[in-house]
Amino acid sequence: MAWSEPGDEILVARDEEMLTFWDEAGYSLDERDEGPFMLMYSPARWKSLQVTALEDPYARSEESNYDPYEITLVESGLWMITVVVPEEGVFGRCVVDTLIACLASDPTEQQRR
C-alpha cells in the first residue's frame, strides 16, 4: 500500500458479512468478538510538537524509576494515524498493537534473513 497525499481513510472488514453487520449495527463487535475498524491517515502538518514522554524514548533501560519529561518532536516525514475500533478492549488493542508492529518493523531486516 502506498500512502497518498494528503491522506485518506480506509475501512477494514473481514468479509461481506461483516460489511453487512457494519451497515446494520455500526462499529460493534460481532459474535466472534471482531468488528470493522477504520484507519485515517495524513501527513503531520506541524514542524515541531511538545509532548510528554511517558516511556524512555531512548529505551535505555526497563527500570521502574523513569520519570516522564517533556520532549519536542521535530517533523520529518511523519504521518498522523487515527484508528477507530468498535470498542476499547481485546479486539481494539489487538488492532492497534498489530498496526504498531507493522509500522515499526524494519523491512530490510526481513530481507537479510
C-alpha atoms as a PDB file:
ATOM      1  CA  MET A   1       0.000   0.000   0.000  1.00  0.00           C
ATOM      2  CA  ALA A   2       1.300   3.470  -0.820  1.00  0.00           C
ATOM      3  CA  TRP A   3       0.482   6.464   1.372  1.00  0.00           C
ATOM      4  CA  SER A   4      -1.385   9.035  -0.670  1.00  0.00           C
ATOM      5  CA  GLU A   5      -1.214  12.802  -0.264  1.00  0.00           C
ATOM      6  CA  PRO A   6      -2.902  14.485   1.540  1.00  0.00           C
ATOM      7  CA  GLY A   7      -4.231  11.426   3.391  1.00  0.00           C
ATOM      8  CA  ASP A   8      -7.144   9.069   3.300  1.00  0.00           C
ATOM      9  CA  GLU A   9      -9.495   6.783   5.234  1.00  0.00           C
ATOM     10  CA  ILE A  10      -9.578   3.000   4.995  1.00  0.00           C
ATOM     11  CA  LEU A  11     -12.429   0.844   6.307  1.00  0.00           C
ATOM     12  CA  VAL A  12     -11.295  -2.679   7.130  1.00  0.00           C
ATOM     13  CA  ALA A  13     -13.804  -5.531   7.331  1.00  0.00           C
ATOM     14  CA  ARG A  14     -13.151  -9.268   7.406  1.00  0.00           C
ATOM     15  CA  ASP A  15     -15.716 -10.127   4.725  1.00  0.00           C
ATOM     16  CA  GLU A  16     -19.062  -9.188   3.130  1.00  0.00           C
ATOM     17  CA  GLU A  17     -20.906 -10.489   6.195  1.00  0.00           C
ATOM     18  CA  MET A  18     -19.016  -8.028   8.400  1.00  0.00           C
ATOM     19  CA  LEU A  19     -19.774  -5.187   5.969  1.00  0.00           C
ATOM     20  CA  THR A  20     -23.483  -6.015   6.207  1.00  0.00           C
ATOM     21  CA  PHE A  21     -23.205  -6.201  10.005  1.00  0.00           C
ATOM     22  CA  TRP A  22     -21.483  -2.782   9.984  1.00  0.00           C
ATOM     23  CA  ASP A  23     -24.339  -1.296   7.911  1.00  0.00           C
ATOM     24  CA  GLU A  24     -26.844  -2.627  10.463  1.00  0.00           C
ATOM     25  CA  ALA A  25     -25.003  -2.262  13.789  1.00  0.00           C
ATOM     26  CA  GLY A  26     -22.266   0.289  13.091  1.00  0.00           C
ATOM     27  CA  TYR A  27     -18.974  -0.048  14.938  1.00  0.00           C
ATOM     28  CA  SER A  28     -19.925  -3.057  17.064  1.00  0.00           C
ATOM     29  CA  LEU A  29     -18.345  -6.418  17.740  1.00  0.00           C
ATOM     30  CA  ASP A  30     -19.962  -9.421  16.093  1.00  0.00           C
ATOM     31  CA  GLU A  31     -20.475 -12.912  17.532  1.00  0.00           C
ATOM     32  CA  ARG A  32     -16.743 -13.613  17.020  1.00  0.00           C
ATOM     33  CA  ASP A  33     -15.831 -10.504  19.064  1.00  0.00           C
ATOM     34  CA  GLU A  34     -14.455  -8.859  15.931  1.00  0.00           C
ATOM     35  CA  GLY A  35     -15.651  -5.805  14.088  1.00  0.00           C
ATOM     36  CA  PRO A  36     -14.854  -3.370  11.325  1.00  0.00           C
ATOM     37  CA  PHE A  37     -12.301  -0.677  12.004  1.00  0.00           C
ATOM     38  CA  MET A  38     -11.126   2.435  10.239  1.00  0.00           C
ATOM     39  CA  LEU A  39      -7.675   3.895   9.674  1.00  0.00           C
ATOM     40  CA  MET A  40      -7.428   7.605   8.915  1.00  0.00           C
ATOM     41  CA  TYR A  41      -4.037   8.981   7.973  1.00  0.00           C
ATOM     42  CA  SER A  42      -2.471  12.217   6.823  1.00  0.00           C
ATOM     43  CA  PRO A  43       0.966  13.794   6.840  1.00  0.00           C
ATOM     44  CA  ALA A  44       1.824  15.704  10.005  1.00  0.00           C
ATOM     45  CA  ARG A  45       1.171  19.391   9.399  1.00  0.00           C
ATOM     46  CA  TRP A  46       3.332  20.670  12.231  1.00  0.00           C
ATOM     47  CA  LYS A  47       7.073  21.312  12.195  1.00  0.00           C
ATOM     48  CA  SER A  48       7.526  20.514  15.892  1.00  0.00           C
ATOM     49  CA  LEU A  49       5.322  19.274  18.721  1.00  0.00           C
ATOM     50  CA  GLN A  50       5.746  19.360  22.516  1.00  0.00           C
ATOM     51  CA  VAL A  51       4.794  16.053  24.164  1.00  0.00           C
ATOM     52  CA  THR A  52       5.387  14.275  27.448  1.00  0.00           C
ATOM     53  CA  ALA A  53       7.442  11.087  27.077  1.00  0.00           C
ATOM     54  CA  LEU A  54       5.668   8.556  29.306  1.00  0.00           C
ATOM     55  CA  GLU A  55       8.305   5.946  28.447  1.00  0.00           C
ATOM     56  CA  ASP A  56      12.038   6.381  27.948  1.00  0.00           C
ATOM     57  CA  PRO A  57      12.268   7.489  24.279  1.00  0.00           C
ATOM     58  CA  TYR A  58      15.794   6.052  24.102  1.00  0.00           C
ATOM     59  CA  ALA A  59      14.760   2.700  25.607  1.00  0.00           C
ATOM     60  CA  ARG A  60      17.930   2.722  27.700  1.00  0.00           C
ATOM     61  CA  SER A  61      16.526   0.556  30.436  1.00  0.00           C
ATOM     62  CA  GLU A  62      13.429  -1.136  31.746  1.00  0.00           C
ATOM     63  CA  GLU A  63      13.907   0.403  35.191  1.00  0.00           C
ATOM     64  CA  SER A  64      10.760   1.463  37.006  1.00  0.00           C
ATOM     65  CA  ASN A  65      12.315   4.728  38.199  1.00  0.00           C
ATOM     66  CA  TYR A  66      11.826   6.517  34.863  1.00  0.00           C
ATOM     67  CA  ASP A  67      10.284   9.963  35.309  1.00  0.00           C
ATOM     68  CA  PRO A  68       8.236  11.304  32.370  1.00  0.00           C
ATOM     69  CA  TYR A  69       9.516  14.560  30.907  1.00  0.00           C
ATOM     70  CA  GLU A  70       8.653  16.940  28.089  1.00  0.00           C
ATOM     71  CA  ILE A  71      10.314  16.472  24.716  1.00  0.00           C
ATOM     72  CA  THR A  72       9.986  18.156  21.342  1.00  0.00           C
ATOM     73  CA  LEU A  73       9.275  16.032  18.283  1.00  0.00           C
ATOM     74  CA  VAL A  74      10.575  17.553  15.084  1.00  0.00           C
ATOM     75  CA  GLU A  75       8.609  16.646  11.956  1.00  0.00           C
ATOM     76  CA  SER A  76      10.492  14.886   9.221  1.00  0.00           C
ATOM     77  CA  GLY A  77       8.083  12.919   7.088  1.00  0.00           C
ATOM     78  CA  LEU A  78       5.828  11.846   9.972  1.00  0.00           C
ATOM     79  CA  TRP A  79       2.255  10.709   9.450  1.00  0.00           C
ATOM     80  CA  MET A  80      -0.665  11.075  11.834  1.00  0.00           C
ATOM     81  CA  ILE A  81      -2.730   7.880  12.076  1.00  0.00           C
ATOM     82  CA  THR A  82      -6.085   7.583  13.837  1.00  0.00           C
ATOM     83  CA  VAL A  83      -7.565   4.147  14.493  1.00  0.00           C
ATOM     84  CA  VAL A  84     -11.322   3.844  15.106  1.00  0.00           C
ATOM     85  CA  VAL A  85     -12.308   0.490  16.614  1.00  0.00           C
ATOM     86  CA  PRO A  86     -15.711  -0.809  17.745  1.00  0.00           C
ATOM     87  CA  GLU A  87     -14.849  -0.580  21.440  1.00  0.00           C
ATOM     88  CA  GLU A  88     -11.931  -0.454  23.817  1.00  0.00           C
ATOM     89  CA  GLY A  89     -10.948  -3.981  24.763  1.00  0.00           C
ATOM     90  CA  VAL A  90      -9.116  -7.021  23.473  1.00  0.00           C
ATOM     91  CA  PHE A  91     -10.046  -6.614  19.796  1.00  0.00           C
ATOM     92  CA  GLY A  92      -9.276  -2.882  19.689  1.00  0.00           C
ATOM     93  CA  ARG A  93      -5.959  -3.395  21.494  1.00  0.00           C
ATOM     94  CA  CYS A  94      -5.060  -6.174  19.021  1.00  0.00           C
ATOM     95  CA  VAL A  95      -5.770  -3.872  16.049  1.00  0.00           C
ATOM     96  CA  VAL A  96      -3.613  -1.075  17.486  1.00  0.00           C
ATOM     97  CA  ASP A  97      -0.786  -3.419  18.572  1.00  0.00           C
ATOM     98  CA  THR A  98      -0.707  -5.081  15.131  1.00  0.00           C
ATOM     99  CA  LEU A  99      -0.624  -1.718  13.371  1.00  0.00           C
ATOM    100  CA  ILE A 100       2.231  -0.538  15.597  1.00  0.00           C
ATOM    101  CA  ALA A 101       4.176  -3.765  14.980  1.00  0.00           C
ATOM    102  CA  CYS A 102       3.727  -3.441  11.207  1.00  0.00           C
ATOM    103  CA  LEU A 103       4.705   0.225  11.085  1.00  0.00           C
ATOM    104  CA  ALA A 104       7.638  -0.216  13.466  1.00  0.00           C
ATOM    105  CA  SER A 105       9.113  -3.185  11.620  1.00  0.00           C
ATOM    106  CA  ASP A 106      12.226  -2.769   9.513  1.00  0.00           C
ATOM    107  CA  PRO A 107      11.522  -4.284   6.052  1.00  0.00           C
ATOM    108  CA  THR A 108      15.256  -4.511   5.329  1.00  0.00           C
ATOM    109  CA  GLU A 109      15.678  -6.724   8.412  1.00  0.00           C
ATOM    110  CA  GLN A 110      13.381  -9.382   6.898  1.00  0.00           C
ATOM    111  CA  GLN A 111      15.218  -9.200   3.571  1.00  0.00           C
ATOM    112  CA  ARG A 112      18.537 -10.011   5.290  1.00  0.00           C
ATOM    113  CA  ARG A 113      17.214 -13.283   6.737  1.00  0.00           C
END
